[in-house]
């Protein structure tokens, strides 16, 4: 049940991370949701394994947002469109 909650929170986290990331973004809801879910899973796994936070809480939620922002930044570096074309 814990990982289902991480999945649901990941959807919300993706939207928040997209809103916090500066610049115009041409990606749709699906990519945003996938990156948010992946960021939430990654942050949850790493944070719990390193003992930074438990299964729930505000720090866990903020860590999920941070994980999603990191994945959004990586996505932008990998799939940046050339502005001159």
N, C-alpha and C. Protein backbone atom coordinates (compact mmCIF):
# COMPACT_ATOMS: atom_id res chain seq x y z
N UNK A 1 0.83 -1.20 0.00
CA UNK A 1 0.00 0.00 0.00
C UNK A 1 0.87 1.26 0.00
N UNK A 2 2.04 1.15 0.62
CA UNK A 2 2.95 2.30 0.68
C UNK A 2 3.36 2.75 -0.72
N UNK A 3 3.69 1.83 -1.60
CA UNK A 3 4.14 2.19 -2.94
C UNK A 3 3.00 2.73 -3.80
N UNK A 4 1.77 2.33 -3.52
CA UNK A 4 0.62 2.92 -4.21
C UNK A 4 0.50 4.40 -3.83
N UNK A 5 0.71 4.71 -2.56
CA UNK A 5 0.68 6.09 -2.10
C UNK A 5 1.80 6.89 -2.76
N UNK A 6 2.99 6.30 -2.89
CA UNK A 6 4.11 6.97 -3.56
C UNK A 6 3.73 7.27 -5.01
N UNK A 7 3.04 6.36 -5.68
CA UNK A 7 2.59 6.56 -7.06
C UNK A 7 1.62 7.73 -7.14
N UNK A 8 0.65 7.78 -6.25
CA UNK A 8 -0.35 8.85 -6.27
C UNK A 8 0.30 10.20 -5.96
N UNK A 9 1.15 10.22 -4.95
CA UNK A 9 1.85 11.46 -4.61
C UNK A 9 2.74 11.89 -5.76
N UNK A 10 3.33 10.93 -6.48
CA UNK A 10 4.18 11.23 -7.62
C UNK A 10 3.47 12.02 -8.70
N UNK A 11 2.19 11.74 -8.91
CA UNK A 11 1.42 12.51 -9.89
C UNK A 11 1.35 13.98 -9.49
N UNK A 12 1.05 14.21 -8.22
CA UNK A 12 0.96 15.59 -7.72
C UNK A 12 2.33 16.25 -7.73
N UNK A 13 3.35 15.50 -7.34
CA UNK A 13 4.71 16.01 -7.29
C UNK A 13 5.18 16.44 -8.68
N UNK A 14 4.84 15.67 -9.71
CA UNK A 14 5.22 16.03 -11.08
C UNK A 14 4.66 17.38 -11.49
N UNK A 15 3.42 17.63 -11.14
CA UNK A 15 2.79 18.91 -11.47
C UNK A 15 3.46 20.05 -10.70
N UNK A 16 3.74 19.83 -9.43
CA UNK A 16 4.39 20.86 -8.62
C UNK A 16 5.80 21.13 -9.14
N UNK A 17 6.54 20.07 -9.46
CA UNK A 17 7.91 20.23 -9.96
C UNK A 17 7.92 20.98 -11.28
N UNK A 18 6.95 20.70 -12.14
CA UNK A 18 6.87 21.41 -13.42
C UNK A 18 6.58 22.89 -13.19
N UNK A 19 5.74 23.19 -12.21
CA UNK A 19 5.43 24.58 -11.91
C UNK A 19 6.63 25.32 -11.32
N UNK A 20 7.48 24.61 -10.58
CA UNK A 20 8.65 25.23 -9.95
C UNK A 20 9.85 25.35 -10.88
N UNK A 21 9.84 24.60 -11.98
CA UNK A 21 10.95 24.62 -12.92
C UNK A 21 10.77 25.80 -13.87
N UNK A 22 11.76 26.69 -13.96
CA UNK A 22 11.61 27.87 -14.82
C UNK A 22 11.70 27.53 -16.30
N UNK A 23 11.14 28.39 -17.10
CA UNK A 23 11.22 28.24 -18.55
C UNK A 23 9.97 27.64 -19.15
N UNK A 24 9.86 27.81 -20.46
CA UNK A 24 8.72 27.27 -21.19
C UNK A 24 8.97 25.80 -21.46
N UNK A 25 7.97 24.99 -21.20
CA UNK A 25 8.11 23.56 -21.38
C UNK A 25 7.04 23.07 -22.34
N UNK A 26 7.46 22.27 -23.31
CA UNK A 26 6.53 21.78 -24.31
C UNK A 26 6.11 20.33 -24.04
N UNK A 27 6.43 19.81 -22.85
CA UNK A 27 6.06 18.44 -22.57
C UNK A 27 4.65 18.39 -22.02
N UNK A 28 4.01 17.28 -22.26
CA UNK A 28 2.63 17.13 -21.86
C UNK A 28 2.46 16.56 -20.47
N UNK A 29 1.22 16.30 -20.13
CA UNK A 29 0.88 15.80 -18.80
C UNK A 29 1.46 14.42 -18.55
N UNK A 30 1.48 13.57 -19.57
CA UNK A 30 1.96 12.20 -19.41
C UNK A 30 3.43 12.18 -19.00
N UNK A 31 4.28 12.93 -19.71
CA UNK A 31 5.71 12.98 -19.38
C UNK A 31 5.90 13.59 -18.00
N UNK A 32 5.15 14.66 -17.70
CA UNK A 32 5.25 15.28 -16.39
C UNK A 32 4.88 14.29 -15.29
N UNK A 33 3.81 13.55 -15.49
CA UNK A 33 3.37 12.57 -14.50
C UNK A 33 4.40 11.46 -14.33
N UNK A 34 4.95 10.97 -15.44
CA UNK A 34 5.95 9.90 -15.38
C UNK A 34 7.19 10.37 -14.64
N UNK A 35 7.67 11.58 -14.94
CA UNK A 35 8.84 12.11 -14.26
C UNK A 35 8.56 12.35 -12.77
N UNK A 36 7.36 12.80 -12.46
CA UNK A 36 6.98 13.00 -11.06
C UNK A 36 6.93 11.69 -10.29
N UNK A 37 6.35 10.67 -10.91
CA UNK A 37 6.27 9.35 -10.27
C UNK A 37 7.67 8.76 -10.10
N UNK A 38 8.49 8.87 -11.14
CA UNK A 38 9.86 8.34 -11.07
C UNK A 38 10.66 9.10 -10.01
N UNK A 39 10.51 10.41 -9.94
CA UNK A 39 11.21 11.20 -8.93
C UNK A 39 10.77 10.83 -7.53
N UNK A 40 9.48 10.58 -7.37
CA UNK A 40 8.96 10.18 -6.07
C UNK A 40 9.49 8.81 -5.66
N UNK A 41 9.49 7.86 -6.60
CA UNK A 41 10.02 6.53 -6.32
C UNK A 41 11.51 6.60 -5.98
N UNK A 42 12.26 7.34 -6.78
CA UNK A 42 13.69 7.46 -6.57
C UNK A 42 14.00 8.11 -5.22
N UNK A 43 13.33 9.20 -4.94
CA UNK A 43 13.53 9.90 -3.68
C UNK A 43 13.12 9.03 -2.49
N UNK A 44 12.01 8.32 -2.61
CA UNK A 44 11.56 7.44 -1.54
C UNK A 44 12.57 6.34 -1.28
N UNK A 45 13.03 5.69 -2.33
CA UNK A 45 13.96 4.59 -2.18
C UNK A 45 15.28 5.06 -1.56
N UNK A 46 15.85 6.11 -2.12
CA UNK A 46 17.14 6.60 -1.62
C UNK A 46 17.00 7.17 -0.21
N UNK A 47 15.99 7.97 0.02
CA UNK A 47 15.80 8.58 1.34
C UNK A 47 15.57 7.58 2.45
N UNK A 48 14.79 6.55 2.17
CA UNK A 48 14.53 5.54 3.19
C UNK A 48 15.75 4.65 3.41
N UNK A 49 16.47 4.31 2.35
CA UNK A 49 17.67 3.46 2.50
C UNK A 49 18.77 4.18 3.26
N UNK A 50 18.91 5.49 3.06
CA UNK A 50 19.93 6.26 3.76
C UNK A 50 19.47 6.73 5.14
N UNK A 51 18.20 6.49 5.47
CA UNK A 51 17.68 6.87 6.77
C UNK A 51 17.39 8.35 6.93
N UNK A 52 17.20 9.05 5.81
CA UNK A 52 16.92 10.48 5.87
C UNK A 52 15.51 10.76 6.35
N UNK A 53 14.56 9.88 6.03
CA UNK A 53 13.18 10.05 6.46
C UNK A 53 12.47 8.71 6.49
N UNK A 54 11.30 8.71 7.11
CA UNK A 54 10.49 7.51 7.20
C UNK A 54 9.60 7.37 5.99
N UNK A 55 8.54 6.57 6.14
CA UNK A 55 7.66 6.30 5.00
C UNK A 55 6.73 7.46 4.68
N UNK A 56 6.45 8.31 5.64
CA UNK A 56 5.54 9.44 5.41
C UNK A 56 6.11 10.71 6.05
N UNK A 57 5.50 11.81 5.74
CA UNK A 57 5.87 13.07 6.38
C UNK A 57 6.17 14.16 5.37
N UNK A 58 6.28 15.37 5.89
CA UNK A 58 6.53 16.54 5.05
C UNK A 58 7.89 16.47 4.38
N UNK A 59 8.91 16.01 5.11
CA UNK A 59 10.25 15.92 4.52
C UNK A 59 10.24 14.92 3.36
N UNK A 60 9.50 13.86 3.51
CA UNK A 60 9.37 12.86 2.44
C UNK A 60 8.74 13.49 1.20
N UNK A 61 7.70 14.29 1.40
CA UNK A 61 7.01 14.96 0.29
C UNK A 61 7.94 15.95 -0.40
N UNK A 62 8.67 16.73 0.40
CA UNK A 62 9.61 17.70 -0.17
C UNK A 62 10.76 16.99 -0.90
N UNK A 63 11.19 15.87 -0.38
CA UNK A 63 12.21 15.08 -1.06
C UNK A 63 11.71 14.55 -2.39
N UNK A 64 10.44 14.18 -2.45
CA UNK A 64 9.85 13.72 -3.71
C UNK A 64 9.81 14.84 -4.74
N UNK A 65 9.49 16.04 -4.31
CA UNK A 65 9.51 17.19 -5.22
C UNK A 65 10.92 17.43 -5.72
N UNK A 66 11.89 17.36 -4.81
CA UNK A 66 13.29 17.53 -5.21
C UNK A 66 13.73 16.47 -6.22
N UNK A 67 13.34 15.22 -6.00
CA UNK A 67 13.67 14.16 -6.94
C UNK A 67 13.06 14.39 -8.31
N UNK A 68 11.82 14.86 -8.33
CA UNK A 68 11.15 15.14 -9.61
C UNK A 68 11.81 16.32 -10.32
N UNK A 69 12.24 17.34 -9.58
CA UNK A 69 12.91 18.48 -10.20
C UNK A 69 14.24 18.05 -10.81
N UNK A 70 14.96 17.19 -10.10
CA UNK A 70 16.22 16.67 -10.64
C UNK A 70 15.97 15.91 -11.94
N UNK A 71 14.95 15.06 -11.96
CA UNK A 71 14.64 14.32 -13.19
C UNK A 71 14.17 15.24 -14.31
N UNK A 72 13.44 16.29 -13.97
CA UNK A 72 13.04 17.26 -14.99
C UNK A 72 14.26 17.97 -15.58
N UNK A 73 15.21 18.31 -14.73
CA UNK A 73 16.43 18.96 -15.22
C UNK A 73 17.22 18.02 -16.13
N UNK A 74 17.32 16.76 -15.75
CA UNK A 74 18.00 15.77 -16.60
C UNK A 74 17.27 15.61 -17.92
N UNK A 75 15.95 15.55 -17.86
CA UNK A 75 15.14 15.43 -19.08
C UNK A 75 15.40 16.61 -20.02
N UNK A 76 15.46 17.82 -19.45
CA UNK A 76 15.70 19.01 -20.27
C UNK A 76 17.10 19.00 -20.88
N UNK A 77 18.08 18.50 -20.15
CA UNK A 77 19.44 18.43 -20.70
C UNK A 77 19.53 17.40 -21.84
N UNK A 78 18.82 16.31 -21.70
CA UNK A 78 18.88 15.26 -22.71
C UNK A 78 18.03 15.56 -23.94
N UNK A 79 16.88 16.19 -23.75
CA UNK A 79 15.95 16.38 -24.85
C UNK A 79 15.69 17.85 -25.15
N UNK A 80 16.67 18.69 -24.91
CA UNK A 80 16.52 20.11 -25.19
C UNK A 80 16.43 20.33 -26.69
N UNK A 81 15.48 21.08 -27.09
CA UNK A 81 15.33 21.39 -28.52
C UNK A 81 16.16 22.62 -28.84
N UNK A 82 16.74 22.59 -29.99
CA UNK A 82 17.59 23.70 -30.42
C UNK A 82 16.69 24.88 -30.76
N UNK A 83 16.90 26.01 -30.09
CA UNK A 83 16.06 27.19 -30.28
C UNK A 83 16.30 27.87 -31.62
N UNK A 84 17.42 27.61 -32.26
CA UNK A 84 17.72 28.29 -33.51
C UNK A 84 17.08 27.61 -34.72
N UNK A 85 16.49 26.42 -34.56
CA UNK A 85 15.85 25.76 -35.70
C UNK A 85 14.39 26.03 -35.76
